Amino acid sequence: MRTIALERTVLAYEDVGPDRGVPLLLVHGHPFDRSMWEPQLRRFGADRRVIVPDLRGYGASGGAVPDWAAFTDDLAALLDGLRVPRAVVVGLSMGGQIALELWARHPARVAGLLLADTTAAGETAESRDARIAQAQRLLREGMDPYAVESLYLMVALDAPPAVTEHVLTMMRSTDPGGAAAAQRARAHRPDRRADLAAVAVPTVVVVGSEDTFTPVADARAIADGVPGAELVVVDGAAHMPNLERPEAFDAALQRLLDRVGYAVGDLSEVDGATP
């Protein structure tokens, strides 16, 4: 594990693999940490640079985000600090929402997108209230009740026992304060559905066939909205196909990397946010 001091926080991260081709940036979901990407770190870290941070308030990264944009701005600052002009950005669940937000706010940093088990839609009044209520519950009760009751929504009932235990451990180990701040921030994130048609980088959308948090219909809506996007439905997986069915997930990611190719962008192209 490494750490990097940014302007507003300190992030823990892994940075492995040869500096060859376009690097990968893997963005974990809620309430997880960078260890959810262990299969992909092993698979792809042998061939190219793979950067895997703990988001602010998760894993070994302390603090708590003040708003939704802080997640993406942290990632852009991390890339700056590591002198990475562009990356293929992979995100699952909340991480997928952050990956899409990174493209929206810092488009020149994104060479390709893999959006897994996520949605581009903003919150409804009902879901916004539910996120805020969940934040209050996490602060009041800690992570364990949420972790236990949501475990078999995160993974399928027949997921490998080691995967089930890993997911449960990640959820139980998350700092309730960091997770609560993230839920409050997510409650006010922008709706990105109208922006999908402007995504001009190679994109793959992955979803577990048994995902009830963000079902296949949500994934199909993103794939239909992004020009040329590939939709991959992973049979038998729930919300975490990268852990439940890593072979299928990795094959989809490899196809994305093949599409992106090995052209690395120039730092001079980096800009701030989209209008």
C-alpha atoms as a PDB file:
ATOM      1  CA  MET A   1       0.000   0.000   0.000  1.00  0.00           C
ATOM      2  CA  ARG A   2       1.132   3.544  -0.768  1.00  0.00           C
ATOM      3  CA  THR A   3      -0.256   6.900   0.296  1.00  0.00           C
ATOM      4  CA  ILE A   4      -0.340  10.267  -1.407  1.00  0.00           C
ATOM      5  CA  ALA A   5      -1.035  13.650   0.175  1.00  0.00           C
ATOM      6  CA  LEU A   6      -3.435  15.674  -1.957  1.00  0.00           C
ATOM      7  CA  GLU A   7      -4.586  19.218  -1.339  1.00  0.00           C
ATOM      8  CA  ARG A   8      -7.590  18.207   0.764  1.00  0.00           C
ATOM      9  CA  THR A   9      -6.965  14.602   1.802  1.00  0.00           C
ATOM     10  CA  VAL A  10      -4.562  11.677   1.905  1.00  0.00           C
ATOM     11  CA  LEU A  11      -5.433   8.652  -0.229  1.00  0.00           C
ATOM     12  CA  ALA A  12      -4.202   5.101   0.158  1.00  0.00           C
ATOM     13  CA  TYR A  13      -3.685   3.246  -3.103  1.00  0.00           C
ATOM     14  CA  GLU A  14      -1.973   0.427  -4.969  1.00  0.00           C
ATOM     15  CA  ASP A  15       0.125   1.180  -8.049  1.00  0.00           C
ATOM     16  CA  VAL A  16       1.481  -1.928  -9.746  1.00  0.00           C
ATOM     17  CA  GLY A  17       2.555  -3.156 -13.150  1.00  0.00           C
ATOM     18  CA  PRO A  18       4.751  -1.901 -15.969  1.00  0.00           C
ATOM     19  CA  ASP A  19       4.202   1.619 -17.265  1.00  0.00           C
ATOM     20  CA  ARG A  20       3.155   0.337 -20.666  1.00  0.00           C
ATOM     21  CA  GLY A  21       0.011   1.262 -22.570  1.00  0.00           C
ATOM     22  CA  VAL A  22      -2.905   3.147 -21.064  1.00  0.00           C
ATOM     23  CA  PRO A  23      -3.073   2.642 -17.279  1.00  0.00           C
ATOM     24  CA  LEU A  24      -6.118   1.255 -15.515  1.00  0.00           C
ATOM     25  CA  LEU A  25      -7.838   3.152 -12.695  1.00  0.00           C
ATOM     26  CA  LEU A  26     -10.161   0.893 -10.672  1.00  0.00           C
ATOM     27  CA  VAL A  27     -12.814   2.613  -8.524  1.00  0.00           C
ATOM     28  CA  HIS A  28     -14.504   0.596  -5.792  1.00  0.00           C
ATOM     29  CA  GLY A  29     -18.122   0.800  -4.705  1.00  0.00           C
ATOM     30  CA  HIS A  30     -19.921   1.371  -1.394  1.00  0.00           C
ATOM     31  CA  PRO A  31     -19.269   0.182   1.257  1.00  0.00           C
ATOM     32  CA  PHE A  32     -16.090  -1.504   0.034  1.00  0.00           C
ATOM     33  CA  ASP A  33     -12.397  -0.729  -0.412  1.00  0.00           C
ATOM     34  CA  ARG A  34      -9.639  -1.251  -2.932  1.00  0.00           C
ATOM     35  CA  SER A  35      -9.343  -4.952  -2.054  1.00  0.00           C
ATOM     36  CA  MET A  36     -12.497  -5.677  -4.060  1.00  0.00           C
ATOM     37  CA  TRP A  37     -10.309  -5.401  -7.167  1.00  0.00           C
ATOM     38  CA  GLU A  38      -7.785  -8.090  -6.150  1.00  0.00           C
ATOM     39  CA  PRO A  39      -8.629 -10.442  -9.074  1.00  0.00           C
ATOM     40  CA  GLN A  40      -8.251  -7.626 -11.613  1.00  0.00           C
ATOM     41  CA  LEU A  41      -5.040  -6.381  -9.981  1.00  0.00           C
ATOM     42  CA  ARG A  42      -3.524  -9.845 -10.403  1.00  0.00           C
ATOM     43  CA  ARG A  43      -4.849 -10.330 -13.932  1.00  0.00           C
ATOM     44  CA  PHE A  44      -3.982  -6.976 -15.466  1.00  0.00           C
ATOM     45  CA  GLY A  45      -1.093  -5.790 -13.285  1.00  0.00           C
ATOM     46  CA  ALA A  46       1.257  -8.137 -15.080  1.00  0.00           C
ATOM     47  CA  ASP A  47       0.773  -6.317 -18.391  1.00  0.00           C
ATOM     48  CA  ARG A  48       0.172  -2.652 -17.587  1.00  0.00           C
ATOM     49  CA  ARG A  49       0.029  -0.099 -14.812  1.00  0.00           C
ATOM     50  CA  VAL A  50      -2.987  -0.570 -12.535  1.00  0.00           C
ATOM     51  CA  ILE A  51      -3.914   2.101  -9.970  1.00  0.00           C
ATOM     52  CA  VAL A  52      -6.385   1.134  -7.251  1.00  0.00           C
ATOM     53  CA  PRO A  53      -7.239   3.764  -4.612  1.00  0.00           C
ATOM     54  CA  ASP A  54      -9.287   3.654  -1.464  1.00  0.00           C
ATOM     55  CA  LEU A  55     -11.810   6.451  -1.901  1.00  0.00           C
ATOM     56  CA  ARG A  56     -11.898   9.163   0.737  1.00  0.00           C
ATOM     57  CA  GLY A  57     -13.549   7.759   3.862  1.00  0.00           C
ATOM     58  CA  TYR A  58     -13.074   4.110   2.849  1.00  0.00           C
ATOM     59  CA  GLY A  59     -10.424   1.494   3.560  1.00  0.00           C
ATOM     60  CA  ALA A  60      -7.148   3.101   4.597  1.00  0.00           C
ATOM     61  CA  SER A  61      -8.133   6.557   3.288  1.00  0.00           C
ATOM     62  CA  GLY A  62      -9.417   8.647   6.153  1.00  0.00           C
ATOM     63  CA  GLY A  63     -11.720  11.627   6.229  1.00  0.00           C
ATOM     64  CA  ALA A  64     -15.124  12.078   4.637  1.00  0.00           C
ATOM     65  CA  VAL A  65     -16.249  13.710   1.409  1.00  0.00           C
ATOM     66  CA  PRO A  66     -18.007  17.068   1.732  1.00  0.00           C
ATOM     67  CA  ASP A  67     -19.894  16.621  -1.545  1.00  0.00           C
ATOM     68  CA  TRP A  68     -20.193  14.348  -4.574  1.00  0.00           C
ATOM     69  CA  ALA A  69     -17.648  16.212  -6.717  1.00  0.00           C
ATOM     70  CA  ALA A  70     -14.923  15.574  -4.130  1.00  0.00           C
ATOM     71  CA  PHE A  71     -14.687  11.916  -5.160  1.00  0.00           C
ATOM     72  CA  THR A  72     -13.909  12.768  -8.770  1.00  0.00           C
ATOM     73  CA  ASP A  73     -11.649  15.676  -7.949  1.00  0.00           C
ATOM     74  CA  ASP A  74      -9.670  13.398  -5.605  1.00  0.00           C
ATOM     75  CA  LEU A  75      -9.171  10.931  -8.460  1.00  0.00           C
ATOM     76  CA  ALA A  76      -8.069  13.650 -10.879  1.00  0.00           C
ATOM     77  CA  ALA A  77      -5.601  14.915  -8.263  1.00  0.00           C
ATOM     78  CA  LEU A  78      -4.349  11.361  -7.728  1.00  0.00           C
ATOM     79  CA  LEU A  79      -3.680  11.018 -11.466  1.00  0.00           C
ATOM     80  CA  ASP A  80      -1.896  14.375 -11.396  1.00  0.00           C
ATOM     81  CA  GLY A  81       0.274  13.258  -8.496  1.00  0.00           C
ATOM     82  CA  LEU A  82       1.171  10.014 -10.261  1.00  0.00           C
ATOM     83  CA  ARG A  83       1.772  11.839 -13.566  1.00  0.00           C
ATOM     84  CA  VAL A  84      -0.862   9.830 -15.411  1.00  0.00           C
ATOM     85  CA  PRO A  85      -2.421  11.862 -18.243  1.00  0.00           C
ATOM     86  CA  ARG A  86      -5.266   9.454 -19.061  1.00  0.00           C
ATOM     87  CA  ALA A  87      -6.561   6.145 -17.792  1.00  0.00           C
ATOM     88  CA  VAL A  88      -9.121   3.522 -18.634  1.00  0.00           C
ATOM     89  CA  VAL A  89     -11.510   3.999 -15.713  1.00  0.00           C
ATOM     90  CA  VAL A  90     -13.390   1.032 -14.269  1.00  0.00           C
ATOM     91  CA  GLY A  91     -16.049   1.547 -11.617  1.00  0.00           C
ATOM     92  CA  LEU A  92     -18.614  -0.678  -9.945  1.00  0.00           C
ATOM     93  CA  SER A  93     -21.854   0.501  -8.310  1.00  0.00           C
ATOM     94  CA  MET A  94     -21.058   3.836  -6.639  1.00  0.00           C
ATOM     95  CA  GLY A  95     -17.656   3.513  -8.298  1.00  0.00           C
ATOM     96  CA  GLY A  96     -19.388   3.389 -11.673  1.00  0.00           C
ATOM     97  CA  GLN A  97     -21.251   6.577 -10.854  1.00  0.00           C
ATOM     98  CA  ILE A  98     -17.941   8.157  -9.857  1.00  0.00           C
ATOM     99  CA  ALA A  99     -16.284   6.942 -13.069  1.00  0.00           C
ATOM    100  CA  LEU A 100     -19.022   8.537 -15.148  1.00  0.00           C
ATOM    101  CA  GLU A 101     -18.751  11.718 -13.090  1.00  0.00           C
ATOM    102  CA  LEU A 102     -14.985  11.744 -13.643  1.00  0.00           C
ATOM    103  CA  TRP A 103     -15.627  11.647 -17.391  1.00  0.00           C
ATOM    104  CA  ALA A 104     -18.145  14.505 -17.056  1.00  0.00           C
ATOM    105  CA  ARG A 105     -15.883  16.737 -14.956  1.00  0.00           C
ATOM    106  CA  HIS A 106     -12.470  15.773 -16.332  1.00  0.00           C
ATOM    107  CA  PRO A 107     -13.113  14.244 -19.756  1.00  0.00           C
ATOM    108  CA  ALA A 108      -9.528  14.428 -21.008  1.00  0.00           C
ATOM    109  CA  ARG A 109      -8.428  12.110 -18.183  1.00  0.00           C
ATOM    110  CA  VAL A 110     -10.628   9.231 -19.392  1.00  0.00           C
ATOM    111  CA  ALA A 111      -9.477   7.000 -22.259  1.00  0.00           C
ATOM    112  CA  GLY A 112     -12.188   4.378 -21.800  1.00  0.00           C
ATOM    113  CA  LEU A 113     -14.972   3.422 -19.403  1.00  0.00           C
ATOM    114  CA  LEU A 114     -16.173   0.196 -17.857  1.00  0.00           C
ATOM    115  CA  LEU A 115     -19.344   0.869 -15.881  1.00  0.00           C
ATOM    116  CA  ALA A 116     -20.417  -2.128 -13.810  1.00  0.00           C
ATOM    117  CA  ASP A 117     -23.651  -2.700 -11.887  1.00  0.00           C
ATOM    118  CA  THR A 118     -24.472   0.982 -11.771  1.00  0.00           C
ATOM    119  CA  THR A 119     -26.915   3.595 -12.989  1.00  0.00           C
ATOM    120  CA  ALA A 120     -26.620   6.971 -14.673  1.00  0.00           C
ATOM    121  CA  ALA A 121     -29.953   8.143 -13.285  1.00  0.00           C
ATOM    122  CA  GLY A 122     -30.076  10.673 -10.493  1.00  0.00           C
ATOM    123  CA  GLU A 123     -31.997  10.166  -7.285  1.00  0.00           C
ATOM    124  CA  THR A 124     -35.730  10.433  -6.925  1.00  0.00           C
ATOM    125  CA  ALA A 125     -37.153  12.264  -3.926  1.00  0.00           C
ATOM    126  CA  GLU A 126     -37.830   8.869  -2.346  1.00  0.00           C
ATOM    127  CA  SER A 127     -34.366   7.425  -2.976  1.00  0.00           C
ATOM    128  CA  ARG A 128     -32.724  10.661  -1.851  1.00  0.00           C
ATOM    129  CA  ASP A 129     -34.540  10.431   1.473  1.00  0.00           C
ATOM    130  CA  ALA A 130     -33.570   6.757   1.733  1.00  0.00           C
ATOM    131  CA  ARG A 131     -29.872   7.533   1.279  1.00  0.00           C
ATOM    132  CA  ILE A 132     -29.975  10.220   3.942  1.00  0.00           C
ATOM    133  CA  ALA A 133     -31.828   7.861   6.275  1.00  0.00           C
ATOM    134  CA  GLN A 134     -29.238   5.161   5.626  1.00  0.00           C
ATOM    135  CA  ALA A 135     -26.449   7.608   6.460  1.00  0.00           C
ATOM    136  CA  GLN A 136     -28.100   8.358   9.776  1.00  0.00           C
ATOM    137  CA  ARG A 137     -28.554   4.647  10.459  1.00  0.00           C
ATOM    138  CA  LEU A 138     -24.885   3.863   9.752  1.00  0.00           C
ATOM    139  CA  LEU A 139     -23.811   6.533  12.218  1.00  0.00           C
ATOM    140  CA  ARG A 140     -26.288   5.255  14.791  1.00  0.00           C
ATOM    141  CA  GLU A 141     -25.819   1.476  14.426  1.00  0.00           C
ATOM    142  CA  GLY A 142     -22.430   1.021  12.780  1.00  0.00           C
ATOM    143  CA  MET A 143     -21.804  -1.109   9.702  1.00  0.00           C
ATOM    144  CA  ASP A 144     -22.621  -4.599  10.953  1.00  0.00           C
ATOM    145  CA  PRO A 145     -26.447  -4.621  10.653  1.00  0.00           C
ATOM    146  CA  TYR A 146     -26.304  -3.175   7.139  1.00  0.00           C
ATOM    147  CA  ALA A 147     -23.534  -5.575   6.134  1.00  0.00           C
ATOM    148  CA  VAL A 148     -25.397  -8.663   7.296  1.00  0.00           C
ATOM    149  CA  GLU A 149     -28.756  -7.770   5.778  1.00  0.00           C
ATOM    150  CA  SER A 150     -27.344  -6.697   2.408  1.00  0.00           C
ATOM    151  CA  LEU A 151     -24.745  -9.448   1.925  1.00  0.00           C
ATOM    152  CA  TYR A 152     -26.859 -11.643  -0.350  1.00  0.00           C
ATOM    153  CA  LEU A 153     -27.925  -8.652  -2.376  1.00  0.00           C
ATOM    154  CA  MET A 154     -24.258  -7.912  -3.019  1.00  0.00           C
ATOM    155  CA  VAL A 155     -23.400 -11.498  -3.996  1.00  0.00           C
ATOM    156  CA  ALA A 156     -25.493 -14.423  -5.194  1.00  0.00           C
ATOM    157  CA  LEU A 157     -26.460 -17.170  -2.768  1.00  0.00           C
ATOM    158  CA  ASP A 158     -24.151 -19.611  -4.546  1.00  0.00           C
ATOM    159  CA  ALA A 159     -21.149 -17.271  -4.688  1.00  0.00           C
ATOM    160  CA  PRO A 160     -17.870 -18.926  -3.627  1.00  0.00           C
ATOM    161  CA  PRO A 161     -17.551 -18.870   0.200  1.00  0.00           C
ATOM    162  CA  ALA A 162     -14.246 -16.977   0.005  1.00  0.00           C
ATOM    163  CA  VAL A 163     -15.954 -14.238  -2.025  1.00  0.00           C
ATOM    164  CA  THR A 164     -18.867 -14.025   0.398  1.00  0.00           C
ATOM    165  CA  GLU A 165     -16.507 -13.738   3.362  1.00  0.00           C
ATOM    166  CA  HIS A 166     -14.400 -11.096   1.605  1.00  0.00           C
ATOM    167  CA  VAL A 167     -17.434  -8.953   0.809  1.00  0.00           C
ATOM    168  CA  LEU A 168     -18.785  -9.228   4.350  1.00  0.00           C
ATOM    169  CA  THR A 169     -15.394  -8.327   5.819  1.00  0.00           C
ATOM    170  CA  MET A 170     -15.064  -5.252   3.597  1.00  0.00           C
ATOM    171  CA  MET A 171     -18.495  -3.981   4.591  1.00  0.00           C
ATOM    172  CA  ARG A 172     -17.956  -4.581   8.283  1.00  0.00           C
ATOM    173  CA  SER A 173     -14.541  -2.878   8.167  1.00  0.00           C
ATOM    174  CA  THR A 174     -15.753   0.339   6.551  1.00  0.00           C
ATOM    175  CA  ASP A 175     -15.740   3.505   8.646  1.00  0.00           C
ATOM    176  CA  PRO A 176     -19.398   4.441   9.300  1.00  0.00           C
ATOM    177  CA  GLY A 177     -18.544   8.147   9.161  1.00  0.00           C
ATOM    178  CA  GLY A 178     -16.966   7.880   5.725  1.00  0.00           C
ATOM    179  CA  ALA A 179     -19.783   5.702   4.411  1.00  0.00           C
ATOM    180  CA  ALA A 180     -22.449   8.034   5.793  1.00  0.00           C
ATOM    181  CA  ALA A 181     -20.810  11.065   4.190  1.00  0.00           C
ATOM    182  CA  ALA A 182     -20.719   9.233   0.858  1.00  0.00           C
ATOM    183  CA  GLN A 183     -24.420   8.409   1.074  1.00  0.00           C
ATOM    184  CA  ARG A 184     -25.275  12.024   1.812  1.00  0.00           C
ATOM    185  CA  ALA A 185     -23.154  13.097  -1.161  1.00  0.00           C
ATOM    186  CA  ARG A 186     -24.768  10.499  -3.452  1.00  0.00           C
ATOM    187  CA  ALA A 187     -28.191  11.757  -2.464  1.00  0.00           C
ATOM    188  CA  HIS A 188     -27.444  14.979  -4.343  1.00  0.00           C
ATOM    189  CA  ARG A 189     -25.440  13.707  -7.316  1.00  0.00           C
ATOM    190  CA  PRO A 190     -26.471  14.898 -10.790  1.00  0.00           C
ATOM    191  CA  ASP A 191     -28.504  12.843 -13.234  1.00  0.00           C
ATOM    192  CA  ARG A 192     -26.143  11.920 -16.093  1.00  0.00           C
ATOM    193  CA  ARG A 193     -28.576  10.189 -18.462  1.00  0.00           C
ATOM    194  CA  ALA A 194     -28.766  13.174 -20.809  1.00  0.00           C
ATOM    195  CA  ASP A 195     -24.956  13.255 -21.029  1.00  0.00           C
ATOM    196  CA  LEU A 196     -24.491   9.666 -22.186  1.00  0.00           C
ATOM    197  CA  ALA A 197     -24.767  10.497 -25.888  1.00  0.00           C
ATOM    198  CA  ALA A 198     -21.679  12.707 -25.557  1.00  0.00           C
ATOM    199  CA  VAL A 199     -19.446   9.890 -24.257  1.00  0.00           C
ATOM    200  CA  ALA A 200     -16.937   9.477 -27.080  1.00  0.00           C
ATOM    201  CA  VAL A 201     -14.545   6.955 -25.509  1.00  0.00           C
ATOM    202  CA  PRO A 202     -14.828   3.157 -25.802  1.00  0.00           C
ATOM    203  CA  THR A 203     -17.311   1.971 -23.204  1.00  0.00           C
ATOM    204  CA  VAL A 204     -18.381  -1.391 -21.805  1.00  0.00           C
ATOM    205  CA  VAL A 205     -21.326  -1.800 -19.435  1.00  0.00           C
ATOM    206  CA  VAL A 206     -21.283  -4.923 -17.237  1.00  0.00           C
ATOM    207  CA  VAL A 207     -24.031  -6.211 -14.957  1.00  0.00           C
ATOM    208  CA  GLY A 208     -24.759  -9.393 -13.041  1.00  0.00           C
ATOM    209  CA  SER A 209     -27.862 -11.189 -14.246  1.00  0.00           C
ATOM    210  CA  GLU A 210     -29.057 -11.512 -10.627  1.00  0.00           C
ATOM    211  CA  ASP A 211     -28.349  -7.922  -9.570  1.00  0.00           C
ATOM    212  CA  THR A 212     -31.351  -6.413  -7.809  1.00  0.00           C
ATOM    213  CA  PHE A 213     -29.634  -3.204  -6.639  1.00  0.00           C
ATOM    214  CA  THR A 214     -28.941  -2.029 -10.201  1.00  0.00           C
ATOM    215  CA  PRO A 215     -30.679  -4.545 -12.483  1.00  0.00           C
ATOM    216  CA  VAL A 216     -30.023  -5.362 -16.109  1.00  0.00           C
ATOM    217  CA  ALA A 217     -32.512  -2.684 -17.216  1.00  0.00           C
ATOM    218  CA  ASP A 218     -30.320   0.021 -15.655  1.00  0.00           C
ATOM    219  CA  ALA A 219     -27.242  -1.302 -17.426  1.00  0.00           C
ATOM    220  CA  ARG A 220     -29.072  -1.541 -20.734  1.00  0.00           C
ATOM    221  CA  ALA A 221     -30.190   2.081 -20.398  1.00  0.00           C
ATOM    222  CA  ILE A 222     -26.551   3.177 -20.109  1.00  0.00           C
ATOM    223  CA  ALA A 223     -25.419   0.954 -22.986  1.00  0.00           C
ATOM    224  CA  ASP A 224     -28.248   2.220 -25.187  1.00  0.00           C
ATOM    225  CA  GLY A 225     -27.314   5.817 -24.351  1.00  0.00           C
ATOM    226  CA  VAL A 226     -23.563   5.640 -25.013  1.00  0.00           C
ATOM    227  CA  PRO A 227     -22.689   5.407 -28.725  1.00  0.00           C
ATOM    228  CA  GLY A 228     -21.030   2.085 -29.523  1.00  0.00           C
ATOM    229  CA  ALA A 229     -21.158   0.763 -25.952  1.00  0.00           C
ATOM    230  CA  GLU A 230     -21.021  -2.987 -25.363  1.00  0.00           C
ATOM    231  CA  LEU A 231     -23.428  -4.544 -22.848  1.00  0.00           C
ATOM    232  CA  VAL A 232     -22.215  -7.639 -20.982  1.00  0.00           C
ATOM    233  CA  VAL A 233     -24.598  -9.575 -18.720  1.00  0.00           C
ATOM    234  CA  VAL A 234     -22.707 -11.948 -16.421  1.00  0.00           C
ATOM    235  CA  ASP A 235     -24.830 -15.017 -15.778  1.00  0.00           C
ATOM    236  CA  GLY A 236     -25.214 -16.079 -12.170  1.00  0.00           C
ATOM    237  CA  ALA A 237     -23.620 -12.978 -10.651  1.00  0.00           C
ATOM    238  CA  ALA A 238     -25.374 -10.449  -8.449  1.00  0.00           C
ATOM    239  CA  HIS A 239     -23.940  -6.982  -7.693  1.00  0.00           C
ATOM    240  CA  MET A 240     -20.231  -7.871  -7.772  1.00  0.00           C
ATOM    241  CA  PRO A 241     -19.438  -9.841 -10.932  1.00  0.00           C
ATOM    242  CA  ASN A 242     -15.749  -8.889 -10.778  1.00  0.00           C
ATOM    243  CA  LEU A 243     -15.473 -11.084  -7.651  1.00  0.00           C
ATOM    244  CA  GLU A 244     -18.234 -13.603  -8.317  1.00  0.00           C
ATOM    245  CA  ARG A 245     -17.340 -14.345 -11.961  1.00  0.00           C
ATOM    246  CA  PRO A 246     -13.911 -12.771 -12.535  1.00  0.00           C
ATOM    247  CA  GLU A 247     -13.233 -14.649 -15.776  1.00  0.00           C
ATOM    248  CA  ALA A 248     -16.273 -13.145 -17.504  1.00  0.00           C
ATOM    249  CA  PHE A 249     -15.614  -9.698 -16.041  1.00  0.00           C
ATOM    250  CA  ASP A 250     -11.953  -9.752 -17.028  1.00  0.00           C
ATOM    251  CA  ALA A 251     -12.803 -10.846 -20.567  1.00  0.00           C
ATOM    252  CA  ALA A 252     -15.086  -7.810 -20.930  1.00  0.00           C
ATOM    253  CA  LEU A 253     -12.369  -5.534 -19.569  1.00  0.00           C
ATOM    254  CA  GLN A 254      -9.801  -7.012 -21.926  1.00  0.00           C
ATOM    255  CA  ARG A 255     -12.066  -6.300 -24.905  1.00  0.00           C
ATOM    256  CA  LEU A 256     -12.325  -2.693 -23.719  1.00  0.00           C
ATOM    257  CA  LEU A 257      -8.551  -2.421 -23.460  1.00  0.00           C
ATOM    258  CA  ASP A 258      -8.208  -3.837 -26.944  1.00  0.00           C
ATOM    259  CA  ARG A 259     -10.554  -1.134 -28.217  1.00  0.00           C
ATOM    260  CA  VAL A 260      -8.736   1.633 -26.430  1.00  0.00           C
ATOM    261  CA  GLY A 261      -5.419   0.455 -27.835  1.00  0.00           C
ATOM    262  CA  TYR A 262      -2.104   1.758 -26.637  1.00  0.00           C
ATOM    263  CA  ALA A 263      -2.333   5.446 -27.540  1.00  0.00           C
ATOM    264  CA  VAL A 264      -1.565   7.509 -24.451  1.00  0.00           C
ATOM    265  CA  GLY A 265      -2.903  11.073 -24.289  1.00  0.00           C
ATOM    266  CA  ASP A 266      -0.806  14.174 -23.699  1.00  0.00           C
ATOM    267  CA  LEU A 267      -0.966  16.062 -20.389  1.00  0.00           C
ATOM    268  CA  SER A 268      -1.370  19.279 -22.352  1.00  0.00           C
ATOM    269  CA  GLU A 269      -4.857  18.090 -23.330  1.00  0.00           C
ATOM    270  CA  VAL A 270      -6.076  17.918 -19.739  1.00  0.00           C
ATOM    271  CA  ASP A 271      -8.769  20.427 -18.902  1.00  0.00           C
ATOM    272  CA  GLY A 272     -11.017  21.146 -16.017  1.00  0.00           C
ATOM    273  CA  ALA A 273     -14.698  20.399 -16.248  1.00  0.00           C
ATOM    274  CA  THR A 274     -17.201  20.208 -19.005  1.00  0.00           C
ATOM    275  CA  PRO A 275     -19.432  23.241 -19.363  1.00  0.00           C
END
